[in-house]
Protein backbone atom coordinates (compact mmCIF):
# COMPACT_ATOMS: atom_id res chain seq x y z
CA MET A 1 0.10 0.07 0.01
CA GLU A 2 2.75 2.27 0.72
CA GLU A 3 4.49 2.13 -2.40
CA THR A 4 0.80 2.43 -3.98
CA LEU A 5 0.37 5.82 -1.91
CA PHE A 6 3.71 6.83 -3.23
CA TRP A 7 3.08 6.43 -6.97
CA SER A 8 0.17 7.89 -7.19
CA ARG A 9 0.85 10.87 -5.23
CA LEU A 10 3.65 10.91 -7.58
CA GLN A 11 1.34 10.85 -10.45
CA PHE A 12 -1.19 13.25 -9.52
CA ALA A 13 1.91 15.52 -8.63
CA PHE A 14 2.71 15.32 -12.06
CA THR A 15 -0.35 15.38 -14.26
CA ILE A 16 -1.98 18.52 -12.20
CA THR A 17 1.75 20.78 -12.60
CA TYR A 18 1.95 20.07 -16.08
CA HIS A 19 -2.04 20.81 -16.80
CA TYR A 20 -1.96 23.82 -14.66
CA LEU A 21 1.09 25.23 -17.13
CA PHE A 22 -1.92 26.16 -19.58
CA PRO A 23 -5.27 27.22 -17.60
CA GLN A 24 -3.08 29.85 -15.84
CA LEU A 25 -2.07 31.30 -19.16
CA THR A 26 -5.91 31.15 -20.15
CA MET A 27 -7.02 32.73 -17.37
CA GLY A 28 -4.19 35.37 -17.37
CA LEU A 29 -4.69 36.01 -21.02
CA ALA A 30 -8.62 36.15 -20.91
CA TRP A 31 -9.13 39.61 -19.67
CA ILE A 32 -5.86 41.11 -22.03
CA ILE A 33 -7.71 39.67 -24.61
CA VAL A 34 -11.16 41.52 -23.45
CA PHE A 35 -9.47 45.08 -22.90
CA PHE A 36 -7.99 44.86 -26.60
CA LYS A 37 -11.38 43.60 -28.14
CA TRP A 38 -12.92 46.46 -25.87
CA ARG A 39 -10.35 49.27 -26.70
CA HIS A 40 -10.82 47.86 -30.99
CA VAL A 41 -14.68 48.63 -30.30
CA LYS A 42 -14.36 51.52 -28.36
CA THR A 43 -11.82 53.42 -30.87
CA GLY A 44 -11.95 51.51 -34.35
CA GLU A 45 -8.24 51.29 -34.09
CA GLU A 46 -7.18 48.60 -36.01
CA ARG A 47 -3.94 47.48 -33.81
CA TYR A 48 -6.33 46.65 -31.03
CA GLY A 49 -8.25 44.52 -33.21
CA ASP A 50 -5.00 43.01 -34.41
CA ALA A 51 -4.05 42.47 -30.77
CA ALA A 52 -7.02 40.63 -29.65
CA ARG A 53 -7.32 38.14 -33.03
CA PHE A 54 -3.19 37.18 -32.38
CA TRP A 55 -3.48 36.58 -28.46
CA ALA A 56 -6.91 34.59 -29.16
CA ARG A 57 -5.07 32.26 -31.51
CA ILE A 58 -2.88 31.78 -28.31
CA PHE A 59 -5.69 31.45 -26.12
CA GLY A 60 -7.52 28.83 -28.29
CA ILE A 61 -4.30 26.61 -28.50
CA ASN A 62 -3.34 27.04 -25.12
CA PHE A 63 -7.25 25.91 -24.19
CA GLY A 64 -7.31 22.65 -26.47
CA VAL A 65 -3.96 21.44 -24.79
CA GLY A 66 -5.31 22.54 -21.20
CA VAL A 67 -8.49 20.32 -21.97
CA VAL A 68 -6.25 17.27 -22.97
CA THR A 69 -4.27 17.10 -19.71
CA GLY A 70 -7.29 17.89 -17.63
CA ILE A 71 -9.31 14.99 -18.47
CA PRO A 72 -6.39 12.38 -16.88
CA MET A 73 -7.33 14.16 -13.58
CA GLU A 74 -10.92 13.48 -13.29
CA PHE A 75 -9.86 9.36 -14.02
CA GLN A 76 -7.73 9.51 -10.96
CA PHE A 77 -10.36 10.35 -8.14
CA GLY A 78 -11.85 7.13 -9.21
CA THR A 79 -8.96 5.20 -9.90
CA ASN A 80 -5.79 6.26 -7.59
CA TRP A 81 -8.16 7.91 -5.41
CA ALA A 82 -11.03 5.97 -5.15
CA GLU A 83 -11.31 5.62 -1.29
CA PHE A 84 -11.14 9.27 -0.77
CA SER A 85 -13.92 9.62 -3.73
CA LYS A 86 -15.93 7.34 -1.44
CA PHE A 87 -15.23 9.68 1.52
CA SER A 88 -15.73 12.95 0.07
CA GLY A 89 -17.49 12.61 -3.21
CA ASN A 90 -21.09 14.04 -1.69
CA VAL A 91 -19.35 16.91 -1.16
CA ILE A 92 -16.44 18.03 -3.57
CA GLY A 93 -18.52 16.41 -6.29
CA GLN A 94 -20.74 18.97 -6.30
CA THR A 95 -18.06 21.79 -7.08
CA LEU A 96 -16.57 19.50 -9.44
CA ALA A 97 -20.16 18.86 -11.24
CA MET A 98 -20.94 22.57 -11.38
CA GLU A 99 -17.10 23.46 -12.65
CA GLY A 100 -17.89 21.15 -16.00
CA MET A 101 -21.82 21.76 -16.64
CA PHE A 102 -21.55 25.95 -16.07
CA ALA A 103 -17.97 26.80 -16.03
CA PHE A 104 -16.70 24.42 -18.59
CA PHE A 105 -19.47 24.52 -20.93
CA LEU A 106 -19.45 28.75 -20.98
CA GLU A 107 -15.91 28.98 -22.13
CA SER A 108 -15.89 25.96 -24.45
CA ALA A 109 -18.99 26.97 -26.04
CA MET A 110 -17.36 31.02 -26.43
CA VAL A 111 -13.85 30.33 -26.98
CA GLY A 112 -14.29 28.93 -30.76
CA ALA A 113 -16.76 31.93 -31.47
CA MET A 114 -14.02 34.45 -30.33
CA VAL A 115 -11.28 32.38 -31.89
CA TRP A 116 -13.19 32.41 -35.63
CA GLY A 117 -16.27 34.28 -35.23
CA GLU A 118 -15.55 37.62 -35.50
CA LYS A 119 -16.92 38.48 -39.13
CA ARG A 120 -20.25 36.71 -38.69
CA LEU A 121 -20.96 37.99 -35.02
CA GLY A 122 -20.03 41.77 -35.77
CA PRO A 123 -17.88 43.88 -33.29
CA ARG A 124 -20.12 44.30 -30.17
CA ASN A 125 -21.34 40.56 -30.34
CA HIS A 126 -17.59 39.24 -30.64
CA PHE A 127 -17.08 41.45 -27.49
CA LEU A 128 -19.91 40.02 -25.85
CA ALA A 129 -18.29 35.96 -26.56
CA THR A 130 -14.75 37.31 -25.56
CA ALA A 131 -15.72 38.21 -22.39
CA GLY A 132 -17.84 35.31 -22.17
CA VAL A 133 -14.39 33.12 -22.16
CA ALA A 134 -12.89 35.25 -19.94
CA LEU A 135 -15.67 34.80 -17.24
CA GLY A 136 -16.32 31.03 -17.80
CA SER A 137 -12.25 30.25 -17.48
CA TRP A 138 -12.58 32.64 -14.37
CA LEU A 139 -15.70 31.02 -13.21
CA SER A 140 -14.17 27.24 -13.80
CA GLY A 141 -11.03 28.72 -11.72
CA TYR A 142 -13.75 29.76 -8.51
CA PHE A 143 -14.92 26.13 -8.45
CA ILE A 144 -11.82 24.17 -8.88
CA LEU A 145 -9.98 26.15 -6.15
CA THR A 146 -13.51 25.91 -3.91
CA THR A 147 -12.94 21.89 -3.74
CA ASN A 148 -9.46 22.44 -2.95
CA ALA A 149 -10.68 25.04 -0.33
CA PHE A 150 -12.66 22.77 1.17
CA MET A 151 -9.60 20.20 2.06
CA GLN A 152 -7.12 22.99 3.27
CA HIS A 153 -10.82 24.03 5.40
CA PRO A 154 -13.50 22.16 5.23
CA ALA A 155 -16.76 23.99 5.77
CA GLY A 156 -20.37 23.40 4.96
CA HIS A 157 -20.27 19.64 5.83
CA SER A 158 -21.57 17.08 8.19
CA ALA A 159 -20.78 13.21 8.61
CA ALA A 160 -23.24 10.78 7.17
CA ALA A 161 -24.29 7.42 9.08
CA ASP A 162 -21.78 5.50 7.05
CA GLY A 163 -18.64 7.81 8.32
CA THR A 164 -18.99 9.73 4.83
CA LEU A 165 -19.26 13.35 4.56
CA GLN A 166 -22.34 15.28 2.94
CA LEU A 167 -23.11 18.14 2.15
CA ALA A 168 -25.07 20.10 5.01
CA ASN A 169 -24.61 23.60 3.56
CA LEU A 170 -24.26 24.87 0.51
CA ALA A 171 -23.59 28.48 0.83
CA ALA A 172 -20.80 27.87 3.67
CA PHE A 173 -19.51 25.37 1.18
CA LEU A 174 -19.47 27.54 -1.91
CA LEU A 175 -18.64 30.87 -0.31
CA ASN A 176 -15.70 29.47 1.99
CA PRO A 177 -13.49 32.34 3.46
CA TRP A 178 -10.36 30.40 2.65
CA ALA A 179 -11.51 29.09 -1.17
CA MET A 180 -12.28 33.07 -1.64
CA ILE A 181 -8.54 34.42 -0.58
CA MET A 182 -7.26 31.33 -2.39
CA PHE A 183 -9.30 32.59 -5.62
CA LEU A 184 -8.27 36.20 -5.66
CA HIS A 185 -4.72 35.18 -4.71
CA ASN A 186 -4.37 32.65 -7.68
CA GLN A 187 -6.04 34.74 -10.19
CA CYS A 188 -3.70 37.43 -9.34
CA ALA A 189 -1.00 35.10 -9.98
CA ALA A 190 -2.60 34.26 -13.51
CA LEU A 191 -2.84 37.43 -14.35
CA VAL A 192 1.28 38.02 -13.61
CA THR A 193 1.56 35.02 -16.10
CA GLY A 194 -0.60 36.38 -18.73
CA SER A 195 1.25 39.62 -18.70
CA PHE A 196 4.69 38.53 -18.77
CA VAL A 197 3.91 36.28 -21.57
CA VAL A 198 2.34 39.28 -23.61
CA ALA A 199 5.46 41.66 -22.59
CA ALA A 200 7.77 38.87 -23.49
CA VAL A 201 6.01 38.24 -27.18
CA GLY A 202 6.45 42.25 -27.20
CA ALA A 203 9.93 42.37 -26.61
CA LEU A 204 10.81 39.60 -28.81
CA TYR A 205 9.46 41.92 -31.17
CA ALA A 206 10.65 45.12 -30.43
CA LEU A 207 14.16 43.13 -30.27
CA ARG A 208 14.11 41.75 -34.21
CA GLY A 209 12.81 45.26 -35.33
CA ARG A 210 9.28 43.69 -36.34
CA HIS A 211 5.63 44.69 -35.85
CA ALA A 212 6.90 47.91 -34.36
CA GLU A 213 3.55 49.10 -32.98
CA GLN A 214 2.01 45.97 -31.62
CA ALA A 215 5.29 45.20 -29.96
CA SER A 216 5.36 48.89 -28.13
CA LEU A 217 1.40 47.99 -27.35
CA PHE A 218 2.26 44.38 -25.75
CA LEU A 219 5.12 45.74 -23.92
CA LYS A 220 3.04 48.92 -22.37
CA THR A 221 0.07 46.67 -21.59
CA GLY A 222 2.22 43.43 -20.22
CA THR A 223 4.34 45.68 -18.10
CA LEU A 224 0.97 47.72 -16.85
CA VAL A 225 -0.79 44.79 -15.88
CA GLY A 226 1.99 42.87 -14.75
CA LEU A 227 3.04 45.92 -12.33
CA PHE A 228 -0.41 45.86 -10.74
CA SER A 229 -0.92 41.98 -10.36
CA CYS A 230 2.52 41.57 -9.15
CA LEU A 231 1.37 44.26 -6.38
CA LEU A 232 -1.79 42.68 -5.53
CA VAL A 233 -0.49 39.31 -5.35
CA ALA A 234 1.85 40.64 -2.76
CA PHE A 235 -0.98 42.62 -0.92
CA PRO A 236 -3.78 41.87 -0.17
CA THR A 237 -4.36 38.60 -1.35
CA GLY A 238 -0.72 36.76 -0.64
CA ASP A 239 -1.01 38.90 3.06
CA GLN A 240 -4.38 37.83 3.61
CA GLN A 241 -3.43 33.88 2.67
CA ALA A 242 -0.58 33.90 5.29
CA LYS A 243 -2.81 34.99 7.62
CA MET A 244 -5.50 32.69 6.80
CA VAL A 245 -2.78 29.93 6.69
CA ALA A 246 -1.34 30.83 10.33
CA LYS A 247 -4.71 30.83 11.74
CA HIS A 248 -5.65 27.77 10.41
CA GLN A 249 -2.88 25.94 9.25
CA PRO A 250 -0.25 27.00 11.90
CA VAL A 251 1.67 23.80 11.42
CA ALA A 252 2.40 24.33 7.94
CA LEU A 253 3.14 27.77 8.28
CA ALA A 254 6.08 26.71 10.77
CA ALA A 255 7.20 24.54 8.36
CA MET A 256 7.12 27.03 5.72
CA GLU A 257 9.61 29.05 7.31
CA GLY A 258 11.62 26.37 9.08
CA ARG A 259 10.20 27.76 12.56
CA PHE A 260 11.10 24.72 14.85
CA HIS A 261 10.41 26.70 18.19
CA SER A 262 7.84 28.66 19.25
CA GLY A 263 7.90 32.27 20.65
CA THR A 264 7.03 35.75 20.15
CA ASN A 265 8.99 38.43 17.93
CA ALA A 266 9.26 36.05 15.29
CA GLU A 267 11.71 36.49 12.72
CA LEU A 268 11.59 35.86 9.19
CA ASN A 269 13.96 33.80 7.34
CA ILE A 270 15.11 35.24 4.26
CA ILE A 271 18.28 32.60 3.32
CA GLY A 272 19.23 29.42 5.13
CA GLN A 273 18.46 25.62 4.78
CA PRO A 274 16.39 23.73 7.12
CA ASN A 275 18.30 21.03 9.13
CA VAL A 276 15.27 18.98 10.40
CA ARG A 277 17.46 16.09 12.24
CA GLU A 278 18.47 19.06 14.13
CA GLN A 279 15.53 21.03 14.35
CA ARG A 280 17.44 24.27 13.24
CA ILE A 281 17.63 26.78 9.97
CA ASP A 282 21.44 26.62 8.92
CA ASN A 283 23.06 29.69 7.43
CA PRO A 284 20.56 32.06 7.75
CA VAL A 285 19.46 35.49 6.97
CA ARG A 286 16.80 36.79 9.14
CA VAL A 287 14.88 39.76 9.33
CA PRO A 288 13.84 40.23 13.07
CA SER A 289 10.01 40.22 14.24
CA VAL A 290 8.71 40.22 10.76
CA LEU A 291 7.05 36.72 10.78
CA SER A 292 4.86 37.82 13.86
CA ILE A 293 3.73 41.14 12.08
CA LEU A 294 2.97 38.95 8.81
CA ALA A 295 1.16 36.15 10.38
CA PHE A 296 -0.18 38.26 13.43
CA GLY A 297 -0.06 41.91 12.70
CA HIS A 298 1.93 42.88 15.80
CA VAL A 299 5.53 41.87 16.93
CA SER A 300 4.65 40.38 20.07
CA ALA A 301 2.50 37.74 18.61
CA ASN A 302 3.29 34.01 19.50
CA VAL A 303 4.22 32.17 15.99
CA GLN A 304 3.93 28.64 17.06
CA GLY A 305 6.94 26.22 16.00
CA LEU A 306 6.48 22.94 14.99
CA ASP A 307 7.85 21.46 18.40
CA SER A 308 4.01 22.51 19.44
CA PHE A 309 2.44 20.14 17.21
CA PRO A 310 3.05 15.82 17.27
CA GLU A 311 5.42 14.98 14.72
CA ASP A 312 2.84 12.57 13.27
CA GLU A 313 1.19 16.25 12.04
CA TRP A 314 4.46 17.99 10.69
CA PRO A 315 3.91 17.92 6.52
CA THR A 316 5.70 15.18 5.31
CA ASN A 317 8.45 17.00 3.52
CA ILE A 318 9.52 19.87 5.39
CA GLU A 319 12.45 20.46 3.45
CA LEU A 320 10.47 20.65 0.00
CA LEU A 321 7.96 22.70 1.49
CA TYR A 322 10.11 25.66 3.10
CA TYR A 323 12.28 26.21 -0.96
CA ALA A 324 8.93 25.76 -2.42
CA PHE A 325 7.57 28.64 -0.54
CA HIS A 326 10.76 30.58 -0.34
CA ILE A 327 10.79 30.43 -4.53
CA MET A 328 7.75 31.53 -4.66
CA ALA A 329 7.84 34.74 -2.44
CA GLY A 330 11.50 35.27 -3.57
CA LEU A 331 10.02 35.06 -7.38
CA GLY A 332 7.08 37.57 -6.38
CA THR A 333 9.85 40.19 -5.16
CA LEU A 334 11.66 40.15 -7.90
CA PHE A 335 8.68 40.63 -10.02
CA ILE A 336 7.63 43.58 -8.62
CA LEU A 337 11.24 45.16 -8.91
CA LEU A 338 11.31 43.90 -12.88
CA MET A 339 7.73 45.27 -13.58
CA GLY A 340 8.74 48.61 -11.60
CA ILE A 341 11.59 49.31 -13.29
CA ALA A 342 10.15 48.47 -16.43
CA ASN A 343 6.90 50.99 -15.80
CA PHE A 344 9.49 53.63 -14.89
CA GLN A 345 10.88 53.40 -18.49
CA ARG A 346 7.87 53.35 -19.86
CA TRP A 347 7.29 56.32 -17.99
CA ARG A 348 10.23 58.05 -19.58
CA GLY A 349 9.19 57.00 -22.74
CA ARG A 350 12.49 54.53 -23.08
CA LEU A 351 10.60 51.03 -22.56
CA GLU A 352 11.08 49.93 -26.22
CA LYS A 353 14.76 51.93 -26.41
CA SER A 354 16.29 49.99 -23.47
CA ARG A 355 17.45 46.73 -25.50
CA GLY A 356 18.77 45.46 -21.94
CA LEU A 357 15.64 45.39 -20.36
CA LEU A 358 14.11 44.07 -23.23
CA TRP A 359 16.04 41.06 -23.08
CA VAL A 360 15.18 40.85 -19.29
CA LEU A 361 11.57 40.46 -19.96
CA MET A 362 11.96 38.49 -22.95
CA LEU A 363 13.83 35.80 -20.83
CA ALA A 364 11.88 36.64 -18.07
CA PHE A 365 8.29 34.78 -18.93
CA PRO A 366 9.10 31.37 -17.48
CA PHE A 367 9.56 32.44 -14.06
CA PRO A 368 5.34 33.36 -12.94
CA TYR A 369 4.96 29.56 -14.11
CA ILE A 370 7.97 28.49 -11.70
CA ALA A 371 6.70 30.88 -8.88
CA THR A 372 3.17 29.22 -9.39
CA THR A 373 4.11 25.89 -9.17
CA ALA A 374 5.82 26.77 -6.03
CA GLY A 375 2.61 28.21 -5.11
CA TRP A 376 0.83 25.28 -5.71
CA MET A 377 3.80 22.71 -4.01
CA THR A 378 3.82 25.21 -0.57
CA ALA A 379 -0.36 24.93 -0.25
CA GLU A 380 -0.27 21.37 -1.28
CA LEU A 381 2.94 19.99 1.32
CA GLY A 382 1.74 22.26 3.92
CA ARG A 383 -1.80 20.36 4.03
CA GLN A 384 0.21 16.81 4.57
CA PRO A 385 -0.49 14.46 5.77
CA TRP A 386 -4.10 15.47 5.22
CA LEU A 387 -5.88 14.92 2.24
CA ILE A 388 -8.27 16.65 3.88
CA PHE A 389 -7.26 18.83 6.85
CA LYS A 390 -7.70 17.37 10.18
CA LEU A 391 -10.31 14.99 8.74
CA TYR A 392 -9.02 12.47 6.54
CA ARG A 393 -5.26 11.18 5.98
CA THR A 394 -3.61 11.15 2.36
CA SER A 395 -2.94 7.23 3.53
CA GLN A 396 -6.51 6.38 3.72
CA GLY A 397 -7.36 7.55 0.40
CA VAL A 398 -5.75 5.72 -1.98
CA SER A 399 -7.29 2.73 -3.69
CA GLU A 400 -7.33 -0.66 -2.54
CA VAL A 401 -7.38 -2.85 -5.77
CA VAL A 402 -4.70 -0.82 -7.55
CA SER A 403 -1.07 -1.87 -7.51
CA GLY A 404 2.00 0.35 -7.69
CA GLY A 405 3.05 -1.16 -10.47
CA ASP A 406 -0.21 -0.12 -12.41
CA VAL A 407 0.35 3.77 -11.26
CA LEU A 408 3.79 3.31 -12.14
CA PHE A 409 2.82 2.11 -16.18
CA THR A 410 0.33 4.77 -16.44
CA LEU A 411 2.60 7.46 -15.15
CA ILE A 412 5.47 6.30 -17.86
CA GLY A 413 2.81 6.25 -20.28
CA PHE A 414 1.34 10.17 -19.29
CA THR A 415 5.11 11.08 -19.14
CA GLY A 416 5.52 10.45 -23.10
CA LEU A 417 2.25 11.56 -24.46
CA TYR A 418 2.55 14.87 -22.60
CA PHE A 419 6.13 14.91 -24.16
CA VAL A 420 4.69 14.68 -27.64
CA LEU A 421 1.71 17.52 -26.65
CA GLY A 422 4.44 19.72 -24.95
CA VAL A 423 6.40 19.22 -28.42
CA LEU A 424 3.26 19.88 -30.57
CA TYR A 425 2.36 22.83 -28.09
CA LEU A 426 5.43 24.87 -28.76
CA PHE A 427 5.74 23.87 -32.30
CA LEU A 428 1.71 25.91 -32.95
CA ILE A 429 2.54 28.65 -30.47
CA GLY A 430 5.83 29.37 -31.94
CA ARG A 431 4.75 29.26 -35.52
CA GLU A 432 1.78 31.69 -34.21
CA ILE A 433 4.77 34.09 -32.88
CA ALA A 434 6.51 33.96 -36.02
CA HIS A 435 3.53 34.82 -38.33
CA GLY A 436 2.56 38.05 -36.05
CA PRO A 437 0.17 40.01 -34.75
CA GLN A 438 -0.67 41.07 -38.13
CA GLY A 439 -0.37 37.34 -39.74
CA VAL A 440 -4.08 36.31 -40.24
CA SER A 441 -6.88 38.68 -41.31
CA LEU A 442 -10.47 38.49 -41.00
CA THR A 443 -11.10 36.58 -43.91
CA GLY A 444 -7.85 33.85 -42.74
CA LYS A 445 -5.63 34.78 -45.78
CA PRO A 446 -2.25 36.64 -44.43
CA GLU A 447 -1.52 39.93 -44.65
CA VAL A 448 1.25 41.96 -45.41
CA SER A 449 2.61 44.01 -41.98
CA HIS A 450 3.37 47.39 -42.88
CA ASP A 451 6.17 47.46 -39.90
């Protein structure tokens, strides 16, 4: 059973990490495309229409691969995690069904109209279709995050006679305070990803001397949206998420910060290596009292250490959790700095001429993906050893009739399949970027660039 548990956890971690590379970009791009489309309808300027069409094509490719990679995760609830599904399916099945029936249907019905329907629908109706795609993508995100929030902070449930969970209060379940904060934090992070990608493509065109008008538009839009979304990720959404963890999952906070001993005036570890065996941080660089302030709002607050909890309730991989959290937080800080510099140059009218900065913006686009992956690792590793915090352990949820060899076999299959999908995805995205924002007209015929 331990072998099956290990491979089942690894398989789900791999498939969900790979899958989320795509939804975070669609959710981040969606409202940027709405903005471009709104400006096109309002001003009639074709540069906004070209931008909207270009990013709609990128969105469509990304959406298609996201759907394909998301399907296996649904099946894993029934194959690898059957006991968990039996225990909690009457609760989490509600939001998973709502995501498929409402949000995904809305998004998938509108995405075709957004990508191919502009000529038939006309400007205003096409704008409504684009807004429908954005709304559907974010609504889908909310239902999925509400499911995860229940696993982090259970709400709106009761125990049935057979010991399984049942839904007792739909409003409490859907409006779980953990879900509200998690949703805002996650969606702002998705906007960071979308804005960095838009800015990176603009920087690429500027460095190559192509599509000058669109390059300027992408750079200005990407860096402006990027600055505001980076700030929102840190405060208030990140701050409130940290306070939620401190209140409801103090053992996770202790592991995230490598805090082994309780006390007031808790310092924040900027750099250091967790030494779990000796229960200390090696080579630390610390800021005094900051953790007490961030977690509870005042320096004299007592922040519990891992010594306040039984060892069987400690997160199962403290080192990885610690590094994931610090990678996320460190990159988030660097993002604010980069976008602050870019917007300062934009204000000076020198953004397109700052070649060194353009190179940094172009090469920076993978790092939001790394930050969001690290953020999700922080959330999921921090909840361990529980599948549903304080209610149901991870070791209880694995299927009893599936062997470790079966899971490993399918994991190898997923790895090969996803590699092929990744190569195809990169080819299609690369082709669209090579065509450029003026590569395809409304009639589907190539256009000649005037840049």
